[in-house]
Amino acid sequence: MTDSLAPAAGTITMYGADWCRDCRRTEALLTDLGVEWAKVDVEASAEAAAQAQAISGRTNIPVVVFPDGSHLVEPSDDAVRAALGL
């Protein structure tokens, strides 16, 4: 996990904040699944918050962006697993 606006290619990117319960749940799931992912903290950067909103069209978090460019907003654990083909 990193905290960069430009994660490595092929990495899942999760835009979120430490205070967000859904973000913490999604972080734990991605970590437990052992997938490569990068966190972008929308509280630490107005640019990151704007980028998350531009991707999703909403202000809700987490925004999870997959390597293929698809994304989920406030996803359930089952939705994340399905997007990963698990």
C-alpha atoms as a PDB file:
ATOM      1  CA  MET A   1       0.000   0.000   0.000  1.00  0.00           C
ATOM      2  CA  THR A   2       1.239   3.484  -0.856  1.00  0.00           C
ATOM      3  CA  ASP A   3      -0.219   6.967  -0.635  1.00  0.00           C
ATOM      4  CA  SER A   4       0.539   8.364  -4.082  1.00  0.00           C
ATOM      5  CA  LEU A   5      -1.594  10.028  -6.750  1.00  0.00           C
ATOM      6  CA  ALA A   6       0.170   7.912  -9.393  1.00  0.00           C
ATOM      7  CA  PRO A   7       0.264   4.264  -8.252  1.00  0.00           C
ATOM      8  CA  ALA A   8       2.119   1.645 -10.227  1.00  0.00           C
ATOM      9  CA  ALA A   9       0.485   0.277 -13.370  1.00  0.00           C
ATOM     10  CA  GLY A  10      -1.617  -2.810 -12.719  1.00  0.00           C
ATOM     11  CA  THR A  11      -2.369  -1.706  -9.176  1.00  0.00           C
ATOM     12  CA  ILE A  12      -5.786  -1.164  -7.650  1.00  0.00           C
ATOM     13  CA  THR A  13      -6.182   2.396  -6.394  1.00  0.00           C
ATOM     14  CA  MET A  14      -8.480   3.237  -3.514  1.00  0.00           C
ATOM     15  CA  TYR A  15      -9.364   6.875  -2.880  1.00  0.00           C
ATOM     16  CA  GLY A  16     -10.468   7.237   0.714  1.00  0.00           C
ATOM     17  CA  ALA A  17      -9.925   8.717   4.160  1.00  0.00           C
ATOM     18  CA  ASP A  18      -8.891   7.304   7.517  1.00  0.00           C
ATOM     19  CA  TRP A  19     -12.140   8.420   9.209  1.00  0.00           C
ATOM     20  CA  CYS A  20     -14.304   6.548   6.665  1.00  0.00           C
ATOM     21  CA  ARG A  21     -15.621   3.213   7.971  1.00  0.00           C
ATOM     22  CA  ASP A  22     -16.312   1.872   4.450  1.00  0.00           C
ATOM     23  CA  CYS A  23     -12.772   2.847   3.428  1.00  0.00           C
ATOM     24  CA  ARG A  24     -11.250   0.983   6.372  1.00  0.00           C
ATOM     25  CA  ARG A  25     -13.370  -2.088   5.555  1.00  0.00           C
ATOM     26  CA  THR A  26     -12.333  -2.022   1.893  1.00  0.00           C
ATOM     27  CA  GLU A  27      -8.668  -1.528   2.830  1.00  0.00           C
ATOM     28  CA  ALA A  28      -8.838  -4.560   5.123  1.00  0.00           C
ATOM     29  CA  LEU A  29     -10.469  -6.665   2.411  1.00  0.00           C
ATOM     30  CA  LEU A  30      -7.888  -5.760  -0.236  1.00  0.00           C
ATOM     31  CA  THR A  31      -5.076  -6.468   2.200  1.00  0.00           C
ATOM     32  CA  ASP A  32      -6.628  -9.780   3.304  1.00  0.00           C
ATOM     33  CA  LEU A  33      -7.030 -10.822  -0.344  1.00  0.00           C
ATOM     34  CA  GLY A  34      -3.330 -10.158  -0.898  1.00  0.00           C
ATOM     35  CA  VAL A  35      -3.818  -7.950  -3.949  1.00  0.00           C
ATOM     36  CA  GLU A  36      -1.544  -5.025  -4.826  1.00  0.00           C
ATOM     37  CA  TRP A  37      -3.283  -1.762  -4.054  1.00  0.00           C
ATOM     38  CA  ALA A  38      -2.482   1.865  -3.394  1.00  0.00           C
ATOM     39  CA  LYS A  39      -4.309   4.292  -1.140  1.00  0.00           C
ATOM     40  CA  VAL A  40      -4.856   7.912  -2.087  1.00  0.00           C
ATOM     41  CA  ASP A  41      -5.924   9.986   0.922  1.00  0.00           C
ATOM     42  CA  VAL A  42      -8.584  12.473  -0.172  1.00  0.00           C
ATOM     43  CA  GLU A  43      -8.292  14.326   3.147  1.00  0.00           C
ATOM     44  CA  ALA A  44      -4.596  15.036   2.635  1.00  0.00           C
ATOM     45  CA  SER A  45      -4.974  16.553  -0.815  1.00  0.00           C
ATOM     46  CA  ALA A  46      -7.636  18.645  -2.515  1.00  0.00           C
ATOM     47  CA  GLU A  47      -6.204  17.361  -5.810  1.00  0.00           C
ATOM     48  CA  ALA A  48      -6.828  13.761  -4.711  1.00  0.00           C
ATOM     49  CA  ALA A  49     -10.400  14.574  -3.673  1.00  0.00           C
ATOM     50  CA  ALA A  50     -11.040  16.265  -7.023  1.00  0.00           C
ATOM     51  CA  GLN A  51      -9.527  13.304  -8.863  1.00  0.00           C
ATOM     52  CA  ALA A  52     -11.780  10.837  -7.001  1.00  0.00           C
ATOM     53  CA  GLN A  53     -14.838  12.963  -7.781  1.00  0.00           C
ATOM     54  CA  ALA A  54     -13.826  13.244 -11.451  1.00  0.00           C
ATOM     55  CA  ILE A  55     -13.567   9.459 -11.688  1.00  0.00           C
ATOM     56  CA  SER A  56     -16.831   8.654  -9.948  1.00  0.00           C
ATOM     57  CA  GLY A  57     -18.960  11.727 -10.593  1.00  0.00           C
ATOM     58  CA  ARG A  58     -19.769  11.716  -6.869  1.00  0.00           C
ATOM     59  CA  THR A  59     -18.257  12.852  -3.587  1.00  0.00           C
ATOM     60  CA  ASN A  60     -18.761   9.466  -1.889  1.00  0.00           C
ATOM     61  CA  ILE A  61     -15.771   7.366  -0.841  1.00  0.00           C
ATOM     62  CA  PRO A  62     -14.166   4.945  -1.140  1.00  0.00           C
ATOM     63  CA  VAL A  63     -13.641   5.044  -4.880  1.00  0.00           C
ATOM     64  CA  VAL A  64     -11.875   1.864  -5.948  1.00  0.00           C
ATOM     65  CA  VAL A  65     -10.248   1.984  -9.394  1.00  0.00           C
ATOM     66  CA  PHE A  66      -9.186  -1.295 -10.989  1.00  0.00           C
ATOM     67  CA  PRO A  67      -6.291  -1.780 -13.435  1.00  0.00           C
ATOM     68  CA  ASP A  68      -8.740  -2.018 -16.364  1.00  0.00           C
ATOM     69  CA  GLY A  69     -10.047   1.488 -15.579  1.00  0.00           C
ATOM     70  CA  SER A  70     -13.364   0.357 -14.134  1.00  0.00           C
ATOM     71  CA  HIS A  71     -14.327   1.674 -10.716  1.00  0.00           C
ATOM     72  CA  LEU A  72     -16.691   1.104  -7.821  1.00  0.00           C
ATOM     73  CA  VAL A  73     -17.989   3.672  -5.328  1.00  0.00           C
ATOM     74  CA  GLU A  74     -18.736   2.591  -1.757  1.00  0.00           C
ATOM     75  CA  PRO A  75     -18.597  -1.057  -2.847  1.00  0.00           C
ATOM     76  CA  SER A  76     -19.650  -4.013  -0.766  1.00  0.00           C
ATOM     77  CA  ASP A  77     -17.056  -6.702  -0.116  1.00  0.00           C
ATOM     78  CA  ASP A  78     -18.933  -8.970  -2.536  1.00  0.00           C
ATOM     79  CA  ALA A  79     -18.781  -6.295  -5.269  1.00  0.00           C
ATOM     80  CA  VAL A  80     -15.013  -5.932  -4.818  1.00  0.00           C
ATOM     81  CA  ARG A  81     -14.524  -9.702  -4.938  1.00  0.00           C
ATOM     82  CA  ALA A  82     -16.669  -9.907  -8.105  1.00  0.00           C
ATOM     83  CA  ALA A  83     -14.689  -7.103  -9.778  1.00  0.00           C
ATOM     84  CA  LEU A  84     -11.524  -9.064  -8.988  1.00  0.00           C
ATOM     85  CA  GLY A  85     -13.017 -12.269 -10.400  1.00  0.00           C
ATOM     86  CA  LEU A  86     -13.044 -13.981  -6.998  1.00  0.00           C
END
